N, C-alpha and C. Protein backbone atom coordinates (compact mmCIF):
# COMPACT_ATOMS: atom_id res chain seq x y z
N MET A 1 -33.92 54.06 24.04
CA MET A 1 -34.70 55.11 23.61
C MET A 1 -36.04 54.63 23.14
N LYS A 2 -36.06 53.41 22.46
CA LYS A 2 -37.19 52.76 21.89
C LYS A 2 -38.06 52.27 23.11
N LYS A 3 -37.39 51.77 24.27
CA LYS A 3 -38.28 51.47 25.43
C LYS A 3 -38.91 52.69 26.06
N THR A 4 -38.19 53.78 26.00
CA THR A 4 -38.94 54.90 26.58
C THR A 4 -40.22 55.39 25.63
N PHE A 5 -40.02 55.25 24.38
CA PHE A 5 -41.20 55.83 23.53
C PHE A 5 -42.34 54.61 23.63
N LEU A 6 -41.78 53.43 23.84
CA LEU A 6 -43.04 52.39 23.89
C LEU A 6 -43.66 52.56 25.33
N ALA A 7 -42.94 53.01 26.34
CA ALA A 7 -43.73 53.15 27.78
C ALA A 7 -44.50 54.51 27.57
N ILE A 8 -44.05 55.55 26.73
CA ILE A 8 -44.98 56.63 26.42
C ILE A 8 -46.27 56.14 25.85
N LEU A 9 -46.11 55.30 24.82
CA LEU A 9 -47.23 55.09 23.93
C LEU A 9 -48.22 54.12 24.86
N CYS A 10 -47.70 53.43 25.66
CA CYS A 10 -48.57 52.59 26.59
C CYS A 10 -49.35 53.33 27.64
N ALA A 11 -48.45 54.33 28.13
CA ALA A 11 -49.20 55.11 28.95
C ALA A 11 -50.33 56.15 28.51
N ILE A 12 -49.91 56.57 27.35
CA ILE A 12 -50.87 57.61 26.69
C ILE A 12 -52.08 56.72 26.21
N SER A 13 -52.02 55.53 25.81
CA SER A 13 -53.00 54.64 25.27
C SER A 13 -54.00 54.09 26.33
N THR A 14 -53.73 54.32 27.57
CA THR A 14 -54.41 53.69 28.61
C THR A 14 -55.90 54.04 28.22
N ALA A 15 -56.75 53.03 28.09
CA ALA A 15 -58.20 53.16 27.67
C ALA A 15 -58.98 54.00 28.43
N VAL A 16 -59.62 55.04 27.93
CA VAL A 16 -60.51 55.85 28.72
C VAL A 16 -61.98 54.92 28.81
N ASN A 17 -61.77 53.87 29.61
CA ASN A 17 -62.78 52.96 29.80
C ASN A 17 -63.07 53.01 31.26
N ALA A 18 -63.69 53.79 31.75
CA ALA A 18 -63.94 53.96 33.11
C ALA A 18 -64.96 53.10 33.68
N GLU A 19 -64.84 53.02 35.03
CA GLU A 19 -65.90 52.36 35.88
C GLU A 19 -67.33 53.12 35.71
N THR A 20 -67.29 54.41 35.80
CA THR A 20 -68.30 55.33 35.60
C THR A 20 -68.02 56.02 34.41
N GLU A 21 -69.14 56.46 33.71
CA GLU A 21 -69.19 57.20 32.39
C GLU A 21 -68.15 58.49 32.58
N TRP A 22 -67.46 58.51 31.63
CA TRP A 22 -66.74 59.75 31.57
C TRP A 22 -67.53 60.76 30.55
N THR A 23 -67.40 62.01 30.83
CA THR A 23 -67.97 63.01 29.96
C THR A 23 -66.90 63.41 28.82
N ASP A 24 -67.27 63.92 27.85
CA ASP A 24 -66.59 64.36 26.78
C ASP A 24 -65.47 65.32 27.08
N THR A 25 -65.89 66.09 27.96
CA THR A 25 -64.88 67.10 28.68
C THR A 25 -63.94 66.26 29.58
N ASN A 26 -64.32 65.38 30.32
CA ASN A 26 -63.50 64.35 31.03
C ASN A 26 -62.20 63.86 30.02
N GLU A 27 -62.68 63.36 29.02
CA GLU A 27 -61.74 62.73 28.06
C GLU A 27 -60.84 63.73 27.29
N LYS A 28 -61.34 64.90 27.02
CA LYS A 28 -60.47 65.82 26.59
C LYS A 28 -59.43 66.40 27.52
N LEU A 29 -60.01 66.65 28.77
CA LEU A 29 -59.07 67.13 29.72
C LEU A 29 -57.84 65.88 30.11
N TYR A 30 -58.28 64.69 30.11
CA TYR A 30 -57.55 63.69 30.38
C TYR A 30 -56.36 63.67 29.38
N ILE A 31 -56.56 63.86 28.03
CA ILE A 31 -55.60 63.83 26.90
C ILE A 31 -54.79 65.14 27.12
N ALA A 32 -55.51 66.33 27.38
CA ALA A 32 -54.63 67.50 27.58
C ALA A 32 -53.53 67.29 28.86
N SER A 33 -54.11 66.60 29.99
CA SER A 33 -53.18 66.32 31.04
C SER A 33 -51.92 65.50 30.72
N GLN A 34 -52.28 64.41 30.02
CA GLN A 34 -51.29 63.40 29.57
C GLN A 34 -50.18 64.34 28.73
N VAL A 35 -50.64 65.24 27.69
CA VAL A 35 -49.73 65.94 26.97
C VAL A 35 -48.86 66.94 27.85
N ALA A 36 -49.59 67.49 28.99
CA ALA A 36 -48.79 68.46 29.74
C ALA A 36 -47.72 67.60 30.61
N ILE A 37 -48.16 66.37 30.91
CA ILE A 37 -47.03 65.64 31.65
C ILE A 37 -46.02 65.19 30.63
N LEU A 38 -46.33 64.99 29.56
CA LEU A 38 -45.18 64.65 28.55
C LEU A 38 -44.28 65.80 28.37
N ALA A 39 -44.92 67.04 28.16
CA ALA A 39 -43.99 68.15 28.02
C ALA A 39 -43.28 68.38 29.27
N ASP A 40 -43.66 68.24 30.44
CA ASP A 40 -42.82 68.30 31.62
C ASP A 40 -41.75 67.40 31.65
N TRP A 41 -42.02 66.13 31.41
CA TRP A 41 -40.97 64.98 31.27
C TRP A 41 -40.08 65.15 30.23
N SER A 42 -40.42 65.73 29.20
CA SER A 42 -39.29 66.08 28.11
C SER A 42 -38.43 67.16 28.19
N THR A 43 -38.99 68.21 29.01
CA THR A 43 -38.07 69.29 29.35
C THR A 43 -37.16 69.01 30.54
N THR A 44 -37.83 68.13 31.48
CA THR A 44 -36.93 67.98 32.75
C THR A 44 -35.87 66.93 32.26
N ARG A 45 -36.15 66.05 31.49
CA ARG A 45 -35.08 65.05 30.87
C ARG A 45 -33.89 65.66 30.23
N ASN A 46 -34.49 67.00 29.47
CA ASN A 46 -33.57 67.55 28.73
C ASN A 46 -32.48 68.42 29.62
N GLY A 47 -33.07 68.78 30.68
CA GLY A 47 -32.22 69.54 31.65
C GLY A 47 -31.31 68.65 32.33
N SER A 48 -31.83 67.48 32.67
CA SER A 48 -30.85 66.33 33.29
C SER A 48 -29.75 65.99 32.35
N ARG A 49 -30.17 65.62 31.09
CA ARG A 49 -29.15 65.22 29.95
C ARG A 49 -28.17 66.24 29.78
N ASN A 50 -28.48 67.59 29.91
CA ASN A 50 -27.49 68.50 29.81
C ASN A 50 -26.76 69.09 31.07
N ASN A 51 -27.00 68.32 32.36
CA ASN A 51 -26.35 68.52 33.48
C ASN A 51 -26.84 69.79 34.15
N PHE A 52 -28.18 70.17 33.87
CA PHE A 52 -28.71 71.34 34.64
C PHE A 52 -27.83 72.50 34.54
N PRO A 53 -27.71 72.97 33.15
CA PRO A 53 -26.85 74.11 32.96
C PRO A 53 -27.16 75.33 33.37
N ASN A 54 -25.95 76.21 33.78
CA ASN A 54 -26.20 77.62 34.24
C ASN A 54 -26.71 77.82 35.66
N GLY A 55 -26.32 76.69 36.58
CA GLY A 55 -26.84 76.76 37.83
C GLY A 55 -28.25 76.49 38.14
N THR A 56 -28.94 75.96 37.16
CA THR A 56 -30.35 75.44 37.20
C THR A 56 -30.41 74.20 37.97
N TYR A 57 -31.58 73.62 38.29
CA TYR A 57 -31.75 72.63 39.05
C TYR A 57 -33.19 72.10 39.03
N GLU A 58 -33.71 71.02 39.27
CA GLU A 58 -35.08 70.58 39.38
C GLU A 58 -35.82 70.97 40.80
N THR A 59 -36.91 71.53 40.69
CA THR A 59 -37.51 71.83 41.95
C THR A 59 -38.59 70.90 42.48
N ASN A 60 -38.94 69.80 41.87
CA ASN A 60 -39.62 68.88 42.53
C ASN A 60 -39.11 68.04 43.51
N PRO A 61 -39.44 68.11 44.79
CA PRO A 61 -38.79 67.56 45.84
C PRO A 61 -38.78 66.05 45.76
N LEU A 62 -39.77 65.43 45.02
CA LEU A 62 -39.71 64.05 44.81
C LEU A 62 -38.63 63.61 44.01
N LEU A 63 -38.17 64.27 43.16
CA LEU A 63 -36.96 63.97 42.26
C LEU A 63 -35.75 64.48 42.64
N GLY A 64 -35.75 65.44 43.48
CA GLY A 64 -34.43 66.12 44.08
C GLY A 64 -33.93 67.08 43.04
N ARG A 65 -32.90 67.86 43.59
CA ARG A 65 -32.31 68.74 42.74
C ARG A 65 -31.53 68.40 41.32
N TYR A 66 -30.99 67.27 41.49
CA TYR A 66 -30.19 66.82 40.23
C TYR A 66 -30.53 65.37 40.04
N PRO A 67 -31.66 64.84 39.42
CA PRO A 67 -32.11 63.54 39.31
C PRO A 67 -31.24 63.11 37.92
N SER A 68 -31.22 61.75 37.93
CA SER A 68 -30.79 61.21 36.82
C SER A 68 -31.82 60.91 35.73
N VAL A 69 -31.48 60.89 34.59
CA VAL A 69 -32.65 60.64 33.39
C VAL A 69 -33.39 59.46 33.76
N GLY A 70 -32.75 58.38 34.45
CA GLY A 70 -33.40 57.07 34.71
C GLY A 70 -34.58 57.43 35.82
N LYS A 71 -34.25 58.15 36.77
CA LYS A 71 -35.10 58.47 37.89
C LYS A 71 -36.25 59.26 37.38
N ILE A 72 -35.93 60.35 36.45
CA ILE A 72 -36.99 61.09 35.68
C ILE A 72 -37.95 60.31 34.92
N ASP A 73 -37.22 59.41 34.14
CA ASP A 73 -38.15 58.52 33.31
C ASP A 73 -39.24 57.55 34.19
N LEU A 74 -38.64 57.14 35.15
CA LEU A 74 -39.62 56.34 36.07
C LEU A 74 -40.62 57.16 36.74
N TYR A 75 -40.37 58.22 37.33
CA TYR A 75 -41.20 59.06 37.89
C TYR A 75 -42.38 59.53 36.86
N PHE A 76 -42.03 59.88 35.54
CA PHE A 76 -43.06 60.42 34.56
C PHE A 76 -43.78 59.16 33.97
N ILE A 77 -43.20 58.06 33.80
CA ILE A 77 -43.97 56.94 33.47
C ILE A 77 -44.95 56.58 34.41
N GLY A 78 -44.63 56.66 35.81
CA GLY A 78 -45.65 56.38 36.72
C GLY A 78 -46.57 57.26 36.58
N LEU A 79 -46.39 58.68 36.47
CA LEU A 79 -47.52 59.64 36.51
C LEU A 79 -48.43 59.30 35.29
N LEU A 80 -47.86 59.09 34.14
CA LEU A 80 -48.74 58.79 32.91
C LEU A 80 -49.56 57.71 33.12
N ALA A 81 -48.83 56.58 33.69
CA ALA A 81 -49.63 55.38 33.70
C ALA A 81 -50.70 55.47 34.78
N THR A 82 -50.64 56.20 35.88
CA THR A 82 -51.73 56.43 37.02
C THR A 82 -52.64 57.41 36.76
N ASN A 83 -52.39 58.37 35.98
CA ASN A 83 -53.25 59.50 35.80
C ASN A 83 -54.79 59.14 35.58
N HIS A 84 -54.88 58.35 34.74
CA HIS A 84 -56.39 57.64 34.42
C HIS A 84 -57.05 57.03 35.61
N LEU A 85 -56.07 56.19 36.34
CA LEU A 85 -56.58 55.33 37.39
C LEU A 85 -57.04 56.27 38.61
N VAL A 86 -56.23 57.42 38.84
CA VAL A 86 -56.62 58.28 39.86
C VAL A 86 -57.73 59.07 39.64
N ALA A 87 -57.99 59.60 38.39
CA ALA A 87 -59.24 60.26 38.00
C ALA A 87 -60.27 59.41 37.87
N ASP A 88 -60.34 58.18 37.65
CA ASP A 88 -61.45 57.21 37.65
C ASP A 88 -61.94 56.96 39.09
N ALA A 89 -61.09 57.00 39.99
CA ALA A 89 -61.32 56.70 41.43
C ALA A 89 -61.94 57.87 42.12
N LEU A 90 -61.93 59.12 41.49
CA LEU A 90 -62.44 60.21 42.05
C LEU A 90 -63.99 60.22 41.88
N PRO A 91 -64.68 61.01 42.54
CA PRO A 91 -66.05 61.33 42.20
C PRO A 91 -66.34 62.16 40.95
N ASP A 92 -67.36 61.88 40.20
CA ASP A 92 -67.56 62.44 39.05
C ASP A 92 -67.33 63.93 38.97
N ASN A 93 -67.88 64.70 40.07
CA ASN A 93 -67.77 66.07 40.09
C ASN A 93 -66.38 66.72 40.33
N LEU A 94 -65.38 65.76 40.72
CA LEU A 94 -64.02 66.18 41.07
C LEU A 94 -63.08 65.94 39.83
N ARG A 95 -63.51 65.20 38.90
CA ARG A 95 -62.63 64.75 37.92
C ARG A 95 -62.00 65.92 37.15
N ASP A 96 -63.04 66.77 36.60
CA ASP A 96 -62.54 67.78 35.87
C ASP A 96 -61.44 68.76 36.60
N TYR A 97 -61.52 68.94 37.93
CA TYR A 97 -60.90 69.71 38.73
C TYR A 97 -59.34 68.98 38.86
N TYR A 98 -59.48 67.72 38.89
CA TYR A 98 -58.21 66.99 39.01
C TYR A 98 -57.44 67.02 37.61
N PHE A 99 -57.96 66.79 36.55
CA PHE A 99 -57.20 67.09 35.34
C PHE A 99 -56.89 68.53 35.08
N THR A 100 -57.63 69.67 35.59
CA THR A 100 -57.23 70.90 35.33
C THR A 100 -55.96 71.18 36.20
N LEU A 101 -55.98 70.65 37.32
CA LEU A 101 -54.83 70.83 38.37
C LEU A 101 -53.51 70.18 37.56
N ARG A 102 -53.79 69.05 37.05
CA ARG A 102 -52.45 68.36 36.52
C ARG A 102 -51.93 69.26 35.26
N ILE A 103 -52.97 69.84 34.44
CA ILE A 103 -52.70 70.60 33.16
C ILE A 103 -51.86 71.97 33.75
N ILE A 104 -52.40 72.57 34.74
CA ILE A 104 -51.75 73.61 35.34
C ILE A 104 -50.31 73.40 35.94
N THR A 105 -50.34 72.27 36.58
CA THR A 105 -49.11 71.96 37.24
C THR A 105 -48.02 71.80 36.35
N HIS A 106 -48.28 70.56 35.41
CA HIS A 106 -47.40 70.19 34.58
C HIS A 106 -46.98 71.08 33.24
N GLY A 107 -48.03 72.00 32.97
CA GLY A 107 -48.03 72.77 31.94
C GLY A 107 -47.00 74.02 32.31
N GLY A 108 -47.30 74.43 33.59
CA GLY A 108 -46.43 75.45 34.26
C GLY A 108 -45.02 75.09 34.39
N ALA A 109 -45.02 73.92 34.90
CA ALA A 109 -43.47 73.25 35.05
C ALA A 109 -42.77 73.33 33.72
N SER A 110 -43.43 72.93 32.70
CA SER A 110 -42.88 72.88 31.39
C SER A 110 -42.45 74.21 30.84
N ILE A 111 -43.32 75.22 31.18
CA ILE A 111 -42.99 76.61 30.67
C ILE A 111 -41.79 77.10 31.57
N HIS A 112 -41.73 76.86 32.77
CA HIS A 112 -40.62 77.30 33.57
C HIS A 112 -39.42 76.65 33.07
N ASN A 113 -39.42 75.33 32.83
CA ASN A 113 -38.30 74.50 32.37
C ASN A 113 -37.62 75.27 31.06
N VAL A 114 -38.58 75.54 30.11
CA VAL A 114 -38.14 76.18 28.90
C VAL A 114 -37.62 77.57 29.15
N GLU A 115 -38.16 78.26 30.04
CA GLU A 115 -37.53 79.66 30.45
C GLU A 115 -36.13 79.26 30.86
N LEU A 116 -35.80 78.19 31.69
CA LEU A 116 -34.38 77.97 32.08
C LEU A 116 -33.70 77.49 30.96
N GLY A 117 -34.10 77.41 29.82
CA GLY A 117 -33.17 76.74 28.71
C GLY A 117 -33.31 75.41 28.39
N TRP A 118 -34.16 74.78 29.04
CA TRP A 118 -34.27 73.31 28.79
C TRP A 118 -35.32 73.23 27.70
N LYS A 119 -34.98 72.21 26.78
CA LYS A 119 -35.59 72.18 25.51
C LYS A 119 -36.82 71.06 25.66
N LEU A 120 -37.72 71.23 24.80
CA LEU A 120 -38.82 70.34 24.60
C LEU A 120 -38.15 69.07 23.56
N ASN A 121 -37.47 68.13 24.24
CA ASN A 121 -36.67 67.45 23.41
C ASN A 121 -36.37 65.92 24.11
N PHE A 122 -36.89 64.86 23.65
CA PHE A 122 -36.61 63.56 24.45
C PHE A 122 -35.18 63.19 23.99
């Protein structure tokens, strides 16, 4: 568990030290997107730890219907670690759209997971 939290801290603390100048909005949306990814990770992990109760399953095709906690951890650590890199590679005018898409996608997945009974709990 300590390794998981260390990975989370490393991924979140990725410096917003972009090649191009980031706006204040870019930085805030980046943080919000990281939080949304963390919420999705936490709820997905909880579903897996509880053996996807009551006939529920994961809908992300990259993870498969019944992914292990280890596979979930690897996937979400990758997302957290690359979120900044992908955004930084985008043209300035697309960065806010990218972060907004991440927030909607992972925030929506988190809400769906909670509705399935999966808890926000690492």
